[in-house]
C-alpha cells in the first residue's frame, strides 16, 4: 500500500469547520501572534452583537520590520523651499538610514496599512503605511493601533475626566468611549506615517 500523497476523501470537507468556509494560512510577526489569535477568537461573538462598534478607520495589512536592511540616502544641507525656489548648493549634510530614522525599537516595531479616512486631520490617509512601536507607552494624546471589540483601528487615545476615548481626527466620525462594555487592547503607538504621493 503506497504511503503519503493525496487520498480521496481525506481531510476536512470544504466549507466546514469554525468559519464554514475555505481557510487560508497567514504569516504574521511572532511578537503579535497571541494578540491576533485572541482578537480572532472574539470575532464570532462580536458579529452577533447588534451594538458592534464600527471603528471607521481600520488596519488593512500588518507587516514586520527587518532591521537588517540598510539603505543610506543622502540628506542635503539646504531645506527645500515650498514657496519661492532657493539657490542650490552641492553640499550633502550626510546620509540617513531610514530604518534607524523610523525604527527606534526594531524588535517591537511593525507596519500597518490603513483603510478609511477617520484620521485625515492627523495626516493619516487611506493606503498609508504606519510605523507602530509596541515599546512606547500608549498615553493620552498618542495615536494608537487598537483592537476594539475584535476589530483593528487607528485612533488618538484621550483620557478625559477619568474616561478613556478613542478619538477620530475627522469631524465626520464619532469618538469611541471605552467603558466596561468595550473590549480594548492597544497594540502599539504610531510613530511615523509613510504617505505616497
N, C-alpha and C. Protein backbone atom coordinates (compact mmCIF):
# COMPACT_ATOMS: atom_id res chain seq x y z
N UNK A 1 0.85 -1.18 0.00
CA UNK A 1 0.00 0.00 0.00
C UNK A 1 0.90 1.24 0.00
N UNK A 2 0.70 2.20 -0.94
CA UNK A 2 1.54 3.40 -1.01
C UNK A 2 1.31 4.31 0.19
N UNK A 3 2.38 5.05 0.56
CA UNK A 3 2.29 5.98 1.69
C UNK A 3 2.35 7.42 1.18
N UNK A 4 1.74 8.35 1.93
CA UNK A 4 1.80 9.77 1.59
C UNK A 4 0.93 10.13 0.41
N UNK A 5 0.97 11.41 0.06
CA UNK A 5 0.22 11.88 -1.10
C UNK A 5 -1.24 12.15 -0.77
N UNK A 6 -1.95 12.59 -1.76
CA UNK A 6 -3.36 12.93 -1.60
C UNK A 6 -4.21 11.66 -1.63
N UNK A 7 -5.15 11.56 -0.68
CA UNK A 7 -6.06 10.42 -0.64
C UNK A 7 -7.48 10.93 -0.79
N UNK A 8 -8.23 10.30 -1.64
CA UNK A 8 -9.60 10.72 -1.87
C UNK A 8 -10.40 10.59 -0.59
N UNK A 9 -11.15 11.66 -0.25
CA UNK A 9 -12.00 11.66 0.94
C UNK A 9 -11.28 12.02 2.22
N UNK A 10 -9.95 12.25 2.16
CA UNK A 10 -9.19 12.59 3.37
C UNK A 10 -9.29 14.09 3.63
N UNK A 11 -9.09 14.47 4.88
CA UNK A 11 -9.08 15.89 5.25
C UNK A 11 -10.47 16.42 5.55
N UNK A 12 -10.49 17.68 5.95
CA UNK A 12 -11.74 18.33 6.31
C UNK A 12 -12.52 18.68 5.04
N UNK A 13 -13.81 18.37 5.00
CA UNK A 13 -14.62 18.75 3.83
C UNK A 13 -14.64 20.28 3.66
N UNK A 14 -14.61 20.73 2.41
CA UNK A 14 -14.63 22.16 2.10
C UNK A 14 -15.90 22.79 2.66
N UNK A 15 -15.75 23.96 3.26
CA UNK A 15 -16.91 24.69 3.78
C UNK A 15 -17.33 24.28 5.17
N UNK A 16 -16.50 23.48 5.87
CA UNK A 16 -16.84 23.10 7.23
C UNK A 16 -15.83 23.73 8.17
N UNK A 17 -15.93 23.39 9.44
CA UNK A 17 -15.01 23.95 10.42
C UNK A 17 -15.61 25.17 11.09
N UNK A 18 -14.79 25.88 11.84
CA UNK A 18 -15.23 27.00 12.66
C UNK A 18 -15.91 28.11 11.85
N UNK A 19 -15.40 28.38 10.63
CA UNK A 19 -15.90 29.52 9.86
C UNK A 19 -16.84 29.12 8.72
N UNK A 20 -17.06 27.84 8.52
CA UNK A 20 -17.94 27.34 7.45
C UNK A 20 -17.55 27.85 6.07
N UNK A 21 -16.26 27.98 5.84
CA UNK A 21 -15.76 28.37 4.52
C UNK A 21 -14.30 27.95 4.41
N UNK A 22 -13.74 28.07 3.22
CA UNK A 22 -12.34 27.74 3.00
C UNK A 22 -11.46 28.68 3.81
N UNK A 23 -10.38 28.15 4.40
CA UNK A 23 -9.47 28.98 5.20
C UNK A 23 -8.14 29.13 4.49
N UNK A 24 -7.32 30.06 4.99
CA UNK A 24 -6.03 30.37 4.38
C UNK A 24 -5.00 30.58 5.49
N UNK A 25 -3.82 29.98 5.35
CA UNK A 25 -2.73 30.19 6.31
C UNK A 25 -2.14 31.58 6.09
N UNK A 26 -1.85 32.29 7.19
CA UNK A 26 -1.31 33.65 7.11
C UNK A 26 -0.08 33.76 7.99
N UNK A 27 0.99 34.38 7.46
CA UNK A 27 2.21 34.60 8.24
C UNK A 27 2.11 35.96 8.93
N UNK A 28 2.51 36.02 10.20
CA UNK A 28 2.49 37.28 10.93
C UNK A 28 3.62 37.30 11.95
N UNK A 29 3.99 38.50 12.43
CA UNK A 29 5.09 38.60 13.38
C UNK A 29 4.78 37.83 14.67
N UNK A 30 5.75 37.10 15.17
CA UNK A 30 5.59 36.32 16.39
C UNK A 30 5.20 37.23 17.56
N UNK A 31 5.74 38.46 17.58
CA UNK A 31 5.51 39.37 18.71
C UNK A 31 4.04 39.74 18.87
N UNK A 32 3.23 39.62 17.82
CA UNK A 32 1.81 39.99 17.95
C UNK A 32 0.87 38.81 17.69
N UNK A 33 1.42 37.62 17.51
CA UNK A 33 0.61 36.45 17.17
C UNK A 33 -0.45 36.15 18.22
N UNK A 34 -0.08 36.18 19.51
CA UNK A 34 -1.04 35.85 20.56
C UNK A 34 -2.21 36.82 20.58
N UNK A 35 -1.92 38.12 20.43
CA UNK A 35 -2.99 39.11 20.45
C UNK A 35 -3.91 38.96 19.25
N UNK A 36 -3.35 38.64 18.09
CA UNK A 36 -4.19 38.44 16.91
C UNK A 36 -5.08 37.22 17.10
N UNK A 37 -4.53 36.14 17.64
CA UNK A 37 -5.34 34.94 17.88
C UNK A 37 -6.45 35.22 18.89
N UNK A 38 -6.15 36.01 19.94
CA UNK A 38 -7.18 36.38 20.90
C UNK A 38 -8.27 37.22 20.24
N UNK A 39 -7.86 38.17 19.39
CA UNK A 39 -8.84 39.01 18.69
C UNK A 39 -9.70 38.17 17.76
N UNK A 40 -9.09 37.24 17.04
CA UNK A 40 -9.85 36.38 16.14
C UNK A 40 -10.83 35.50 16.90
N UNK A 41 -10.45 35.06 18.09
CA UNK A 41 -11.34 34.22 18.89
C UNK A 41 -12.60 34.97 19.31
N UNK A 42 -12.51 36.30 19.39
CA UNK A 42 -13.67 37.10 19.81
C UNK A 42 -14.57 37.51 18.65
N UNK A 43 -14.13 37.36 17.43
CA UNK A 43 -14.89 37.86 16.28
C UNK A 43 -16.29 37.25 16.17
N UNK A 44 -16.49 35.94 16.27
CA UNK A 44 -17.85 35.42 16.12
C UNK A 44 -18.85 36.04 17.09
N UNK A 45 -18.47 36.26 18.36
CA UNK A 45 -19.37 36.89 19.31
C UNK A 45 -19.67 38.33 18.89
N UNK A 46 -18.67 39.04 18.41
CA UNK A 46 -18.87 40.43 18.02
C UNK A 46 -19.77 40.55 16.80
N UNK A 47 -19.67 39.59 15.87
CA UNK A 47 -20.51 39.65 14.68
C UNK A 47 -21.98 39.43 15.02
N UNK A 48 -22.25 38.74 16.13
CA UNK A 48 -23.63 38.51 16.54
C UNK A 48 -24.16 39.65 17.40
N UNK A 49 -23.30 40.59 17.78
CA UNK A 49 -23.69 41.69 18.66
C UNK A 49 -24.26 42.84 17.83
N UNK A 50 -25.54 43.18 17.97
CA UNK A 50 -26.11 44.26 17.17
C UNK A 50 -25.56 45.63 17.52
N UNK A 51 -24.94 45.77 18.69
CA UNK A 51 -24.38 47.06 19.08
C UNK A 51 -22.88 47.12 18.81
N UNK A 52 -22.42 46.36 17.84
CA UNK A 52 -21.00 46.30 17.50
C UNK A 52 -20.49 47.68 17.09
N UNK A 53 -19.33 48.06 17.57
CA UNK A 53 -18.72 49.34 17.20
C UNK A 53 -18.12 49.22 15.82
N UNK A 54 -18.34 50.21 14.98
CA UNK A 54 -17.74 50.29 13.65
C UNK A 54 -16.59 51.28 13.73
N UNK A 55 -15.33 50.83 13.79
CA UNK A 55 -14.23 51.74 14.02
C UNK A 55 -13.94 52.75 12.91
N UNK A 56 -14.37 52.61 11.70
CA UNK A 56 -14.29 53.57 10.61
C UNK A 56 -12.94 53.69 9.94
N UNK A 57 -11.86 53.72 10.66
CA UNK A 57 -10.55 53.65 10.03
C UNK A 57 -9.88 52.41 10.58
N UNK A 58 -9.63 51.46 9.70
CA UNK A 58 -9.13 50.18 10.17
C UNK A 58 -7.80 49.86 9.52
N UNK A 59 -7.18 48.86 10.04
CA UNK A 59 -5.90 48.40 9.53
C UNK A 59 -6.16 47.35 8.46
N UNK A 60 -5.54 47.51 7.29
CA UNK A 60 -5.76 46.58 6.19
C UNK A 60 -4.74 45.45 6.20
N UNK A 61 -3.49 45.75 6.53
CA UNK A 61 -2.42 44.77 6.48
C UNK A 61 -1.45 45.02 7.62
N UNK A 62 -0.77 43.97 8.04
CA UNK A 62 0.25 44.08 9.09
C UNK A 62 1.54 43.52 8.53
N UNK A 63 2.64 44.26 8.72
CA UNK A 63 3.94 43.84 8.24
C UNK A 63 4.95 43.94 9.37
N UNK A 64 5.91 43.02 9.41
CA UNK A 64 7.00 43.15 10.38
C UNK A 64 8.12 43.96 9.74
N UNK A 65 8.97 44.56 10.58
CA UNK A 65 10.10 45.31 10.07
C UNK A 65 11.32 44.43 10.04
N UNK A 66 12.25 44.72 9.14
CA UNK A 66 13.50 43.98 9.04
C UNK A 66 14.63 44.96 9.31
N UNK A 67 15.19 44.91 10.51
CA UNK A 67 16.23 45.87 10.89
C UNK A 67 17.57 45.54 10.26
N UNK A 68 17.71 44.40 9.58
CA UNK A 68 18.98 44.04 8.95
C UNK A 68 19.20 44.79 7.63
N UNK A 69 18.14 45.32 7.04
CA UNK A 69 18.26 46.02 5.77
C UNK A 69 18.86 47.40 5.99
N UNK A 70 19.83 47.76 5.15
CA UNK A 70 20.46 49.07 5.25
C UNK A 70 20.33 49.78 3.91
N UNK A 71 19.90 51.00 3.94
CA UNK A 71 19.83 51.83 2.74
C UNK A 71 20.07 53.27 3.18
N UNK A 72 21.27 53.76 2.95
CA UNK A 72 21.62 55.11 3.37
C UNK A 72 21.36 56.07 2.21
N UNK A 73 20.51 57.07 2.48
CA UNK A 73 20.07 58.02 1.46
C UNK A 73 20.68 59.38 1.78
N UNK A 74 21.20 60.10 0.77
CA UNK A 74 21.81 61.41 1.03
C UNK A 74 20.81 62.41 1.61
N UNK A 75 21.27 63.21 2.58
CA UNK A 75 20.49 64.29 3.17
C UNK A 75 21.20 65.59 2.85
N UNK A 76 20.56 66.47 2.12
CA UNK A 76 21.18 67.73 1.70
C UNK A 76 21.09 68.77 2.81
N UNK A 77 22.10 69.64 2.87
CA UNK A 77 22.18 70.69 3.88
C UNK A 77 21.00 71.64 3.81
N UNK A 78 20.69 72.11 2.61
CA UNK A 78 19.63 73.11 2.46
C UNK A 78 18.26 72.46 2.48
N UNK A 79 17.35 72.99 3.31
CA UNK A 79 15.97 72.51 3.23
C UNK A 79 15.34 72.96 1.91
N UNK A 80 14.31 72.27 1.49
CA UNK A 80 13.63 72.60 0.24
C UNK A 80 12.58 73.67 0.51
N UNK A 81 12.60 74.73 -0.30
CA UNK A 81 11.62 75.80 -0.16
C UNK A 81 10.31 75.37 -0.81
N UNK A 82 9.23 75.48 -0.06
CA UNK A 82 7.92 75.14 -0.60
C UNK A 82 7.27 76.36 -1.25
N UNK A 83 7.90 77.52 -1.11
CA UNK A 83 7.40 78.75 -1.73
C UNK A 83 8.24 79.07 -2.95
N UNK A 84 9.07 80.12 -2.83
CA UNK A 84 9.95 80.51 -3.93
C UNK A 84 11.15 79.59 -3.98
N UNK A 85 11.68 79.32 -5.18
CA UNK A 85 12.86 78.46 -5.28
C UNK A 85 14.06 79.06 -4.56
N UNK A 86 14.86 78.21 -3.92
CA UNK A 86 16.07 78.65 -3.22
C UNK A 86 17.27 78.20 -4.03
N UNK A 87 18.39 78.95 -3.95
CA UNK A 87 19.58 78.53 -4.68
C UNK A 87 20.07 77.18 -4.17
N UNK A 88 20.58 76.35 -5.09
CA UNK A 88 21.05 75.02 -4.70
C UNK A 88 22.53 75.06 -4.37
N UNK A 89 22.93 74.20 -3.51
CA UNK A 89 24.34 74.02 -3.17
C UNK A 89 24.66 72.55 -3.33
N UNK A 90 25.89 72.26 -3.64
CA UNK A 90 26.29 70.87 -3.87
C UNK A 90 26.79 70.20 -2.60
N UNK A 91 26.30 70.60 -1.46
CA UNK A 91 26.76 70.04 -0.19
C UNK A 91 25.75 69.03 0.34
N UNK A 92 26.27 67.89 0.71
CA UNK A 92 25.44 66.87 1.35
C UNK A 92 25.79 66.87 2.82
N UNK A 93 24.77 67.01 3.66
CA UNK A 93 24.97 67.04 5.11
C UNK A 93 25.43 65.68 5.62
N UNK A 94 24.93 64.64 5.06
CA UNK A 94 25.27 63.29 5.49
C UNK A 94 24.31 62.32 4.83
N UNK A 95 24.25 61.13 5.37
CA UNK A 95 23.33 60.12 4.85
C UNK A 95 22.46 59.62 5.99
N UNK A 96 21.23 59.30 5.64
CA UNK A 96 20.27 58.80 6.63
C UNK A 96 19.89 57.38 6.27
N UNK A 97 19.93 56.50 7.24
CA UNK A 97 19.40 55.15 7.09
C UNK A 97 17.95 55.21 7.59
N UNK A 98 16.99 55.03 6.70
CA UNK A 98 15.59 55.17 7.08
C UNK A 98 15.17 54.19 8.17
N UNK A 99 15.75 53.00 8.19
CA UNK A 99 15.43 52.07 9.28
C UNK A 99 15.79 52.67 10.63
N UNK A 100 16.97 53.25 10.73
CA UNK A 100 17.39 53.85 12.02
C UNK A 100 16.58 55.10 12.33
N UNK A 101 16.17 55.81 11.28
CA UNK A 101 15.40 57.04 11.47
C UNK A 101 13.95 56.74 11.89
N UNK A 102 13.35 55.72 11.31
CA UNK A 102 11.94 55.41 11.55
C UNK A 102 11.70 54.37 12.64
N UNK A 103 12.69 53.51 12.88
CA UNK A 103 12.50 52.37 13.80
C UNK A 103 13.46 52.49 14.97
N UNK A 104 12.93 52.88 16.13
CA UNK A 104 13.75 53.03 17.34
C UNK A 104 13.91 51.71 18.10
N UNK A 105 12.90 50.86 18.05
CA UNK A 105 12.91 49.58 18.76
C UNK A 105 12.57 48.48 17.75
N UNK A 106 13.57 47.97 17.00
CA UNK A 106 13.30 47.02 15.91
C UNK A 106 12.48 45.80 16.31
N UNK A 107 12.75 45.24 17.49
CA UNK A 107 12.05 44.01 17.90
C UNK A 107 10.60 44.28 18.28
N UNK A 108 10.25 45.54 18.51
CA UNK A 108 8.90 45.89 18.94
C UNK A 108 8.13 46.67 17.89
N UNK A 109 8.67 46.78 16.69
CA UNK A 109 8.07 47.64 15.66
C UNK A 109 7.48 46.82 14.53
N UNK A 110 6.33 47.26 14.05
CA UNK A 110 5.71 46.65 12.88
C UNK A 110 5.04 47.76 12.06
N UNK A 111 4.65 47.42 10.85
CA UNK A 111 3.98 48.36 9.95
C UNK A 111 2.56 47.89 9.71
N UNK A 112 1.66 48.84 9.54
CA UNK A 112 0.28 48.52 9.17
C UNK A 112 -0.15 49.43 8.03
N UNK A 113 -1.02 48.92 7.16
CA UNK A 113 -1.58 49.73 6.08
C UNK A 113 -3.01 50.12 6.48
N UNK A 114 -3.39 51.34 6.16
CA UNK A 114 -4.65 51.92 6.62
C UNK A 114 -5.74 51.82 5.55
N UNK A 115 -6.97 51.59 6.02
CA UNK A 115 -8.18 51.73 5.20
C UNK A 115 -9.05 52.75 5.94
N UNK A 116 -9.72 53.62 5.23
CA UNK A 116 -10.65 54.55 5.86
C UNK A 116 -10.06 55.94 6.03
N UNK A 117 -10.92 56.90 6.39
CA UNK A 117 -10.48 58.29 6.44
C UNK A 117 -10.83 59.01 7.74
N UNK A 118 -10.99 58.28 8.83
CA UNK A 118 -11.33 58.94 10.09
C UNK A 118 -10.15 59.65 10.73
N UNK A 119 -8.93 59.50 10.18
CA UNK A 119 -7.75 60.14 10.77
C UNK A 119 -7.10 61.13 9.80
N UNK A 120 -7.87 61.66 8.85
CA UNK A 120 -7.32 62.57 7.85
C UNK A 120 -6.65 63.80 8.46
N UNK A 121 -7.25 64.39 9.49
CA UNK A 121 -6.70 65.61 10.09
C UNK A 121 -5.42 65.35 10.87
N UNK A 122 -5.09 64.09 11.11
CA UNK A 122 -3.80 63.74 11.73
C UNK A 122 -2.77 63.41 10.66
N UNK A 123 -3.15 63.57 9.39
CA UNK A 123 -2.23 63.27 8.29
C UNK A 123 -2.18 61.81 7.92
N UNK A 124 -3.18 61.04 8.34
CA UNK A 124 -3.24 59.60 8.04
C UNK A 124 -4.33 59.39 7.00
N UNK A 125 -3.93 58.90 5.82
CA UNK A 125 -4.82 58.73 4.68
C UNK A 125 -4.97 57.25 4.33
N UNK A 126 -6.03 56.91 3.58
CA UNK A 126 -6.16 55.53 3.12
C UNK A 126 -4.92 55.10 2.34
N UNK A 127 -4.48 53.87 2.56
CA UNK A 127 -3.30 53.24 1.94
C UNK A 127 -1.97 53.68 2.53
N UNK A 128 -1.96 54.60 3.50
CA UNK A 128 -0.71 54.97 4.17
C UNK A 128 -0.18 53.79 4.95
N UNK A 129 1.14 53.75 5.10
CA UNK A 129 1.78 52.78 6.00
C UNK A 129 2.09 53.49 7.31
N UNK A 130 1.73 52.87 8.41
CA UNK A 130 2.02 53.42 9.73
C UNK A 130 3.12 52.61 10.37
N UNK A 131 4.10 53.30 10.96
CA UNK A 131 5.15 52.65 11.74
C UNK A 131 4.64 52.61 13.18
N UNK A 132 4.53 51.42 13.74
CA UNK A 132 3.93 51.23 15.06
C UNK A 132 4.96 50.62 16.00
N UNK A 133 5.14 51.24 17.17
CA UNK A 133 6.12 50.79 18.15
C UNK A 133 5.40 50.31 19.41
N UNK A 134 5.57 49.03 19.73
CA UNK A 134 4.94 48.45 20.92
C UNK A 134 5.70 48.77 22.20
N UNK A 135 6.93 49.31 22.08
CA UNK A 135 7.74 49.62 23.26
C UNK A 135 7.39 50.97 23.86
N UNK A 136 6.63 51.79 23.15
CA UNK A 136 6.26 53.12 23.64
C UNK A 136 4.96 53.02 24.43
N UNK A 137 4.92 53.68 25.58
CA UNK A 137 3.72 53.65 26.41
C UNK A 137 2.58 54.41 25.74
N UNK A 138 1.40 53.79 25.62
CA UNK A 138 0.27 54.47 24.99
C UNK A 138 -0.41 55.44 25.97
N UNK A 139 0.05 56.68 25.97
CA UNK A 139 -0.51 57.68 26.89
C UNK A 139 -1.49 58.58 26.14
N UNK A 140 -2.27 59.33 26.89
CA UNK A 140 -3.25 60.24 26.31
C UNK A 140 -2.57 61.20 25.33
N UNK A 141 -3.16 61.33 24.16
CA UNK A 141 -2.62 62.20 23.12
C UNK A 141 -1.89 61.46 22.02
N UNK A 142 -1.48 60.22 22.27
CA UNK A 142 -0.78 59.43 21.26
C UNK A 142 -1.78 58.79 20.29
N UNK A 143 -1.35 58.64 19.03
CA UNK A 143 -2.13 57.88 18.05
C UNK A 143 -1.75 56.42 18.23
N UNK A 144 -2.76 55.56 18.36
CA UNK A 144 -2.51 54.15 18.68
C UNK A 144 -3.21 53.22 17.69
N UNK A 145 -2.67 52.01 17.60
CA UNK A 145 -3.36 50.91 16.93
C UNK A 145 -4.02 50.12 18.04
N UNK A 146 -5.34 49.96 17.94
CA UNK A 146 -6.09 49.30 19.00
C UNK A 146 -7.01 48.24 18.40
N UNK A 147 -7.31 47.24 19.23
CA UNK A 147 -8.33 46.26 18.89
C UNK A 147 -9.54 46.62 19.74
N UNK A 148 -10.64 47.00 19.08
CA UNK A 148 -11.87 47.40 19.76
C UNK A 148 -12.93 46.35 19.44
N UNK A 149 -13.30 45.59 20.46
CA UNK A 149 -14.28 44.51 20.27
C UNK A 149 -13.93 43.63 19.08
N UNK A 150 -12.63 43.29 18.99
CA UNK A 150 -12.18 42.36 17.96
C UNK A 150 -11.83 42.99 16.63
N UNK A 151 -11.95 44.31 16.49
CA UNK A 151 -11.64 44.97 15.22
C UNK A 151 -10.47 45.94 15.39
N UNK A 152 -9.52 45.87 14.44
CA UNK A 152 -8.37 46.77 14.47
C UNK A 152 -8.77 48.16 14.01
N UNK A 153 -8.24 49.17 14.68
CA UNK A 153 -8.50 50.55 14.30
C UNK A 153 -7.31 51.42 14.68
N UNK A 154 -7.21 52.58 14.06
CA UNK A 154 -6.20 53.58 14.44
C UNK A 154 -6.96 54.82 14.89
N UNK A 155 -6.66 55.30 16.09
CA UNK A 155 -7.31 56.49 16.66
C UNK A 155 -6.34 57.16 17.63
N UNK A 156 -6.70 58.40 18.02
CA UNK A 156 -5.93 59.10 19.05
C UNK A 156 -6.51 58.74 20.41
N UNK A 157 -5.65 58.30 21.31
CA UNK A 157 -6.07 57.92 22.66
C UNK A 157 -6.20 59.19 23.51
N UNK A 158 -7.33 59.35 24.17
CA UNK A 158 -7.56 60.50 25.04
C UNK A 158 -8.11 60.03 26.38
N UNK A 159 -7.60 60.65 27.44
CA UNK A 159 -8.17 60.42 28.76
C UNK A 159 -8.76 61.75 29.20
N UNK A 160 -10.07 61.75 29.51
CA UNK A 160 -10.77 62.97 29.89
C UNK A 160 -11.72 62.64 31.03
N UNK A 161 -11.54 63.30 32.16
CA UNK A 161 -12.39 63.07 33.34
C UNK A 161 -12.45 61.60 33.72
N UNK A 162 -11.27 60.99 33.79
CA UNK A 162 -11.12 59.58 34.17
C UNK A 162 -11.81 58.60 33.22
N UNK A 163 -12.10 59.03 32.00
CA UNK A 163 -12.65 58.14 30.98
C UNK A 163 -11.68 58.08 29.82
N UNK A 164 -11.59 56.89 29.20
CA UNK A 164 -10.76 56.72 28.01
C UNK A 164 -11.62 56.84 26.76
N UNK A 165 -11.05 57.49 25.74
CA UNK A 165 -11.73 57.66 24.46
C UNK A 165 -10.75 57.34 23.35
N UNK A 166 -11.26 56.81 22.26
CA UNK A 166 -10.51 56.70 21.02
C UNK A 166 -11.12 57.75 20.09
N UNK A 167 -10.30 58.76 19.77
CA UNK A 167 -10.80 59.93 19.05
C UNK A 167 -10.42 59.88 17.57
N UNK A 168 -11.40 60.09 16.69
CA UNK A 168 -11.07 60.24 15.27
C UNK A 168 -10.48 61.63 15.04
N UNK A 169 -9.82 61.81 13.92
CA UNK A 169 -9.29 63.12 13.54
C UNK A 169 -9.99 63.55 12.25
N UNK A 170 -11.31 63.46 12.28
CA UNK A 170 -12.14 63.85 11.15
C UNK A 170 -13.51 64.15 11.75
N UNK A 171 -14.04 65.37 11.55
CA UNK A 171 -15.31 65.74 12.19
C UNK A 171 -16.51 64.90 11.74
N UNK A 172 -16.36 64.13 10.68
CA UNK A 172 -17.47 63.29 10.20
C UNK A 172 -17.61 61.98 10.98
N UNK A 173 -16.72 61.73 11.95
CA UNK A 173 -16.74 60.47 12.70
C UNK A 173 -16.89 60.75 14.19
N UNK A 174 -17.52 59.81 14.88
CA UNK A 174 -17.78 59.94 16.31
C UNK A 174 -16.67 59.31 17.14
N UNK A 175 -16.36 59.89 18.31
CA UNK A 175 -15.41 59.25 19.23
C UNK A 175 -15.97 57.92 19.75
N UNK A 176 -15.07 57.05 20.17
CA UNK A 176 -15.46 55.77 20.77
C UNK A 176 -15.13 55.85 22.25
N UNK A 177 -16.17 55.80 23.10
CA UNK A 177 -15.95 55.80 24.54
C UNK A 177 -15.61 54.39 24.98
N UNK A 178 -14.56 54.27 25.77
CA UNK A 178 -14.14 52.96 26.27
C UNK A 178 -14.75 52.78 27.66
N UNK A 179 -15.80 51.97 27.73
CA UNK A 179 -16.43 51.69 29.02
C UNK A 179 -16.35 50.19 29.30
N UNK A 180 -17.06 49.73 30.31
CA UNK A 180 -16.97 48.32 30.70
C UNK A 180 -17.53 47.38 29.64
N UNK A 181 -18.30 47.88 28.69
CA UNK A 181 -18.87 47.05 27.62
C UNK A 181 -17.97 46.93 26.40
N UNK A 182 -16.84 47.65 26.40
CA UNK A 182 -15.94 47.67 25.25
C UNK A 182 -14.68 46.88 25.60
N UNK A 183 -14.34 45.94 24.75
CA UNK A 183 -13.11 45.15 24.91
C UNK A 183 -12.00 45.86 24.13
N UNK A 184 -11.01 46.42 24.84
CA UNK A 184 -9.95 47.21 24.22
C UNK A 184 -8.59 46.59 24.50
N UNK A 185 -7.79 46.45 23.43
CA UNK A 185 -6.38 46.06 23.54
C UNK A 185 -5.60 47.01 22.66
N UNK A 186 -4.59 47.67 23.24
CA UNK A 186 -3.76 48.58 22.46
C UNK A 186 -2.52 47.83 22.02
N UNK A 187 -2.29 47.79 20.70
CA UNK A 187 -1.15 47.06 20.14
C UNK A 187 0.11 47.88 20.12
N UNK A 188 0.01 49.19 19.98
CA UNK A 188 1.21 50.00 19.92
C UNK A 188 0.89 51.44 19.57
N UNK A 189 1.95 52.26 19.59
CA UNK A 189 1.84 53.69 19.32
C UNK A 189 2.37 53.96 17.91
N UNK A 190 1.63 54.75 17.15
CA UNK A 190 2.07 55.13 15.81
C UNK A 190 3.15 56.20 15.95
N UNK A 191 4.31 55.95 15.35
CA UNK A 191 5.42 56.90 15.45
C UNK A 191 5.65 57.67 14.16
N UNK A 192 5.31 57.08 13.01
CA UNK A 192 5.53 57.73 11.72
C UNK A 192 4.47 57.28 10.73
N UNK A 193 4.20 58.14 9.76
CA UNK A 193 3.29 57.84 8.67
C UNK A 193 4.08 57.87 7.37
N UNK A 194 3.98 56.82 6.58
CA UNK A 194 4.62 56.79 5.26
C UNK A 194 3.52 56.98 4.24
N UNK A 195 3.56 58.13 3.57
CA UNK A 195 2.48 58.53 2.67
C UNK A 195 3.02 58.69 1.26
N UNK A 196 2.49 57.93 0.33
CA UNK A 196 2.91 58.04 -1.07
C UNK A 196 2.15 59.17 -1.75
N UNK A 197 2.81 59.87 -2.65
CA UNK A 197 2.15 60.97 -3.38
C UNK A 197 1.55 60.45 -4.67
